[in-house]
């Protein structure tokens, strides 16, 4: 009897977990997703990228501009950017970008990736990261941001 109750409980738990998982998909567009393009574009591309990934940087530097010009700017594609930081520098870069207003976030992101600013964080000892704190304050302060 106890085994039957245990087995039934496990099955019901698995069914409940499966039903919850079906409700939440990584393909769902969330309110806090940063994207470029038309909100109701017929095609949605979701990019998971790390700010310190050389392959992600190659895509942003060599391919994204053409994709943007041909498909995003014409309203055919909505391009969603999602963070997938591999290491501390990528996490720090992603956190800094979260403070930037949506209107200029794309330009800041391209700047961080193009100039490999995120890679500079790796060569500075973790105990001497005062300049990162300063960058966060400057980026998060809209008055300073608008005068840059």
C-alpha atoms as a PDB file:
ATOM      1  CA  UNK A   1       0.000   0.000   0.000  1.00  0.00           C
ATOM      2  CA  UNK A   2       2.771   2.443   0.909  1.00  0.00           C
ATOM      3  CA  UNK A   3       4.589   1.687  -2.330  1.00  0.00           C
ATOM      4  CA  UNK A   4       1.417   2.344  -4.326  1.00  0.00           C
ATOM      5  CA  UNK A   5       0.918   5.744  -2.588  1.00  0.00           C
ATOM      6  CA  UNK A   6       4.583   6.631  -3.130  1.00  0.00           C
ATOM      7  CA  UNK A   7       4.427   5.616  -6.795  1.00  0.00           C
ATOM      8  CA  UNK A   8       1.194   7.586  -7.352  1.00  0.00           C
ATOM      9  CA  UNK A   9       2.710  10.643  -5.651  1.00  0.00           C
ATOM     10  CA  UNK A  10       5.786  10.488  -7.864  1.00  0.00           C
ATOM     11  CA  UNK A  11       3.714  10.149 -11.044  1.00  0.00           C
ATOM     12  CA  UNK A  12       1.461  13.067 -10.079  1.00  0.00           C
ATOM     13  CA  UNK A  13       4.484  15.207  -9.198  1.00  0.00           C
ATOM     14  CA  UNK A  14       6.090  14.471 -12.559  1.00  0.00           C
ATOM     15  CA  UNK A  15       2.882  15.315 -14.388  1.00  0.00           C
ATOM     16  CA  UNK A  16       2.605  18.600 -12.492  1.00  0.00           C
ATOM     17  CA  UNK A  17       6.248  19.489 -13.227  1.00  0.00           C
ATOM     18  CA  UNK A  18       5.772  18.619 -16.897  1.00  0.00           C
ATOM     19  CA  UNK A  19       2.645  20.806 -17.122  1.00  0.00           C
ATOM     20  CA  UNK A  20       4.534  23.742 -15.524  1.00  0.00           C
ATOM     21  CA  UNK A  21       7.472  23.265 -17.892  1.00  0.00           C
ATOM     22  CA  UNK A  22       5.151  23.323 -20.897  1.00  0.00           C
ATOM     23  CA  UNK A  23       3.837  26.739 -19.784  1.00  0.00           C
ATOM     24  CA  UNK A  24       7.298  28.330 -19.625  1.00  0.00           C
ATOM     25  CA  UNK A  25       9.464  28.113 -22.706  1.00  0.00           C
ATOM     26  CA  UNK A  26      12.761  29.803 -23.527  1.00  0.00           C
ATOM     27  CA  UNK A  27      11.106  30.773 -26.781  1.00  0.00           C
ATOM     28  CA  UNK A  28       8.580  32.990 -24.999  1.00  0.00           C
ATOM     29  CA  UNK A  29       9.287  36.690 -25.413  1.00  0.00           C
ATOM     30  CA  UNK A  30       9.397  38.355 -22.020  1.00  0.00           C
ATOM     31  CA  UNK A  31       8.627  41.943 -21.088  1.00  0.00           C
ATOM     32  CA  UNK A  32      12.210  42.607 -20.005  1.00  0.00           C
ATOM     33  CA  UNK A  33      13.813  41.244 -23.207  1.00  0.00           C
ATOM     34  CA  UNK A  34      15.929  43.755 -25.081  1.00  0.00           C
ATOM     35  CA  UNK A  35      15.272  43.660 -28.813  1.00  0.00           C
ATOM     36  CA  UNK A  36      15.681  45.636 -31.990  1.00  0.00           C
ATOM     37  CA  UNK A  37      13.193  45.645 -34.843  1.00  0.00           C
ATOM     38  CA  UNK A  38       9.436  45.760 -35.041  1.00  0.00           C
ATOM     39  CA  UNK A  39       7.576  44.324 -32.074  1.00  0.00           C
ATOM     40  CA  UNK A  40       5.170  42.409 -34.335  1.00  0.00           C
ATOM     41  CA  UNK A  41       7.689  41.254 -36.964  1.00  0.00           C
ATOM     42  CA  UNK A  42       6.777  37.884 -38.523  1.00  0.00           C
ATOM     43  CA  UNK A  43      10.134  36.297 -37.581  1.00  0.00           C
ATOM     44  CA  UNK A  44      11.803  36.412 -34.164  1.00  0.00           C
ATOM     45  CA  UNK A  45      15.468  35.551 -33.660  1.00  0.00           C
ATOM     46  CA  UNK A  46      16.738  35.057 -30.106  1.00  0.00           C
ATOM     47  CA  UNK A  47      20.469  35.399 -29.575  1.00  0.00           C
ATOM     48  CA  UNK A  48      22.154  34.058 -26.446  1.00  0.00           C
ATOM     49  CA  UNK A  49      25.590  35.677 -26.292  1.00  0.00           C
ATOM     50  CA  UNK A  50      28.459  36.243 -23.922  1.00  0.00           C
ATOM     51  CA  UNK A  51      30.173  39.629 -23.942  1.00  0.00           C
ATOM     52  CA  UNK A  52      33.572  37.920 -23.767  1.00  0.00           C
ATOM     53  CA  UNK A  53      32.975  35.282 -26.454  1.00  0.00           C
ATOM     54  CA  UNK A  54      35.133  35.777 -29.545  1.00  0.00           C
ATOM     55  CA  UNK A  55      32.582  34.014 -31.773  1.00  0.00           C
ATOM     56  CA  UNK A  56      29.783  36.257 -30.512  1.00  0.00           C
ATOM     57  CA  UNK A  57      32.023  39.273 -31.170  1.00  0.00           C
ATOM     58  CA  UNK A  58      32.690  38.049 -34.707  1.00  0.00           C
ATOM     59  CA  UNK A  59      28.948  37.766 -35.313  1.00  0.00           C
ATOM     60  CA  UNK A  60      28.311  41.283 -33.958  1.00  0.00           C
ATOM     61  CA  UNK A  61      31.226  42.812 -35.859  1.00  0.00           C
ATOM     62  CA  UNK A  62      30.901  40.962 -39.179  1.00  0.00           C
ATOM     63  CA  UNK A  63      27.304  39.790 -39.637  1.00  0.00           C
ATOM     64  CA  UNK A  64      24.817  41.649 -37.465  1.00  0.00           C
ATOM     65  CA  UNK A  65      25.050  44.970 -39.320  1.00  0.00           C
ATOM     66  CA  UNK A  66      24.137  43.304 -42.611  1.00  0.00           C
ATOM     67  CA  UNK A  67      21.356  41.269 -40.983  1.00  0.00           C
ATOM     68  CA  UNK A  68      20.040  44.447 -39.374  1.00  0.00           C
ATOM     69  CA  UNK A  69      20.078  46.377 -42.633  1.00  0.00           C
ATOM     70  CA  UNK A  70      18.431  43.665 -44.715  1.00  0.00           C
ATOM     71  CA  UNK A  71      15.915  42.126 -42.316  1.00  0.00           C
ATOM     72  CA  UNK A  72      15.535  44.021 -39.038  1.00  0.00           C
ATOM     73  CA  UNK A  73      15.313  47.572 -40.391  1.00  0.00           C
ATOM     74  CA  UNK A  74      12.801  46.435 -43.027  1.00  0.00           C
ATOM     75  CA  UNK A  75      10.434  45.026 -40.380  1.00  0.00           C
ATOM     76  CA  UNK A  76      10.889  41.352 -41.305  1.00  0.00           C
ATOM     77  CA  UNK A  77      12.746  40.307 -38.135  1.00  0.00           C
ATOM     78  CA  UNK A  78      12.619  41.066 -34.435  1.00  0.00           C
ATOM     79  CA  UNK A  79      16.058  40.339 -32.928  1.00  0.00           C
ATOM     80  CA  UNK A  80      16.166  39.596 -29.188  1.00  0.00           C
ATOM     81  CA  UNK A  81      19.425  39.817 -27.235  1.00  0.00           C
ATOM     82  CA  UNK A  82      19.765  37.613 -24.150  1.00  0.00           C
ATOM     83  CA  UNK A  83      22.796  37.416 -21.878  1.00  0.00           C
ATOM     84  CA  UNK A  84      24.662  34.152 -21.490  1.00  0.00           C
ATOM     85  CA  UNK A  85      27.821  35.215 -19.637  1.00  0.00           C
ATOM     86  CA  UNK A  86      30.635  32.655 -19.625  1.00  0.00           C
ATOM     87  CA  UNK A  87      32.799  34.391 -17.046  1.00  0.00           C
ATOM     88  CA  UNK A  88      33.135  37.341 -14.687  1.00  0.00           C
ATOM     89  CA  UNK A  89      34.045  39.945 -17.365  1.00  0.00           C
ATOM     90  CA  UNK A  90      31.021  38.963 -19.450  1.00  0.00           C
ATOM     91  CA  UNK A  91      28.806  39.144 -16.381  1.00  0.00           C
ATOM     92  CA  UNK A  92      30.147  42.602 -15.510  1.00  0.00           C
ATOM     93  CA  UNK A  93      29.554  43.802 -19.100  1.00  0.00           C
ATOM     94  CA  UNK A  94      26.013  42.426 -19.084  1.00  0.00           C
ATOM     95  CA  UNK A  95      25.276  44.085 -15.747  1.00  0.00           C
ATOM     96  CA  UNK A  96      26.540  47.430 -17.032  1.00  0.00           C
ATOM     97  CA  UNK A  97      24.325  47.134 -20.124  1.00  0.00           C
ATOM     98  CA  UNK A  98      21.258  46.509 -17.953  1.00  0.00           C
ATOM     99  CA  UNK A  99      21.661  50.084 -16.659  1.00  0.00           C
ATOM    100  CA  UNK A 100      21.690  51.646 -20.125  1.00  0.00           C
ATOM    101  CA  UNK A 101      18.351  52.958 -21.455  1.00  0.00           C
ATOM    102  CA  UNK A 102      16.857  50.862 -24.281  1.00  0.00           C
ATOM    103  CA  UNK A 103      17.169  53.725 -26.779  1.00  0.00           C
ATOM    104  CA  UNK A 104      20.987  53.569 -26.699  1.00  0.00           C
ATOM    105  CA  UNK A 105      21.640  50.045 -25.379  1.00  0.00           C
ATOM    106  CA  UNK A 106      22.284  48.600 -28.857  1.00  0.00           C
ATOM    107  CA  UNK A 107      25.029  51.170 -29.505  1.00  0.00           C
ATOM    108  CA  UNK A 108      26.614  50.607 -26.097  1.00  0.00           C
ATOM    109  CA  UNK A 109      26.510  46.849 -26.593  1.00  0.00           C
ATOM    110  CA  UNK A 110      28.222  47.135 -29.958  1.00  0.00           C
ATOM    111  CA  UNK A 111      30.810  49.425 -28.419  1.00  0.00           C
ATOM    112  CA  UNK A 112      31.589  46.963 -25.641  1.00  0.00           C
ATOM    113  CA  UNK A 113      31.857  44.075 -28.073  1.00  0.00           C
ATOM    114  CA  UNK A 114      33.677  45.929 -30.885  1.00  0.00           C
ATOM    115  CA  UNK A 115      36.362  47.447 -28.704  1.00  0.00           C
ATOM    116  CA  UNK A 116      36.649  44.334 -26.514  1.00  0.00           C
ATOM    117  CA  UNK A 117      36.232  46.518 -23.424  1.00  0.00           C
ATOM    118  CA  UNK A 118      34.893  43.509 -21.549  1.00  0.00           C
ATOM    119  CA  UNK A 119      38.224  41.742 -22.095  1.00  0.00           C
ATOM    120  CA  UNK A 120      40.036  44.538 -20.289  1.00  0.00           C
ATOM    121  CA  UNK A 121      38.340  43.552 -17.057  1.00  0.00           C
ATOM    122  CA  UNK A 122      40.283  40.261 -17.089  1.00  0.00           C
ATOM    123  CA  UNK A 123      43.674  41.969 -16.777  1.00  0.00           C
ATOM    124  CA  UNK A 124      42.738  44.131 -13.794  1.00  0.00           C
ATOM    125  CA  UNK A 125      42.934  42.506 -10.338  1.00  0.00           C
ATOM    126  CA  UNK A 126      39.485  41.953  -8.838  1.00  0.00           C
ATOM    127  CA  UNK A 127      40.359  44.016  -5.755  1.00  0.00           C
ATOM    128  CA  UNK A 128      41.047  47.059  -7.957  1.00  0.00           C
ATOM    129  CA  UNK A 129      37.760  47.314  -9.860  1.00  0.00           C
ATOM    130  CA  UNK A 130      36.948  50.892  -8.862  1.00  0.00           C
ATOM    131  CA  UNK A 131      36.832  51.936 -12.492  1.00  0.00           C
ATOM    132  CA  UNK A 132      34.035  49.426 -13.135  1.00  0.00           C
ATOM    133  CA  UNK A 133      32.029  50.944 -10.292  1.00  0.00           C
ATOM    134  CA  UNK A 134      32.614  54.358 -11.851  1.00  0.00           C
ATOM    135  CA  UNK A 135      31.472  53.075 -15.250  1.00  0.00           C
ATOM    136  CA  UNK A 136      28.305  51.645 -13.709  1.00  0.00           C
ATOM    137  CA  UNK A 137      27.512  54.941 -12.010  1.00  0.00           C
ATOM    138  CA  UNK A 138      28.196  56.919 -15.199  1.00  0.00           C
ATOM    139  CA  UNK A 139      26.120  54.585 -17.359  1.00  0.00           C
ATOM    140  CA  UNK A 140      23.224  54.441 -14.906  1.00  0.00           C
ATOM    141  CA  UNK A 141      23.076  58.217 -14.531  1.00  0.00           C
ATOM    142  CA  UNK A 142      20.994  59.417 -17.487  1.00  0.00           C
ATOM    143  CA  UNK A 143      22.294  62.982 -17.198  1.00  0.00           C
ATOM    144  CA  UNK A 144      25.875  61.821 -17.600  1.00  0.00           C
ATOM    145  CA  UNK A 145      24.856  59.318 -20.298  1.00  0.00           C
ATOM    146  CA  UNK A 146      23.212  61.961 -22.441  1.00  0.00           C
ATOM    147  CA  UNK A 147      26.336  64.151 -22.296  1.00  0.00           C
ATOM    148  CA  UNK A 148      28.734  61.411 -23.395  1.00  0.00           C
END
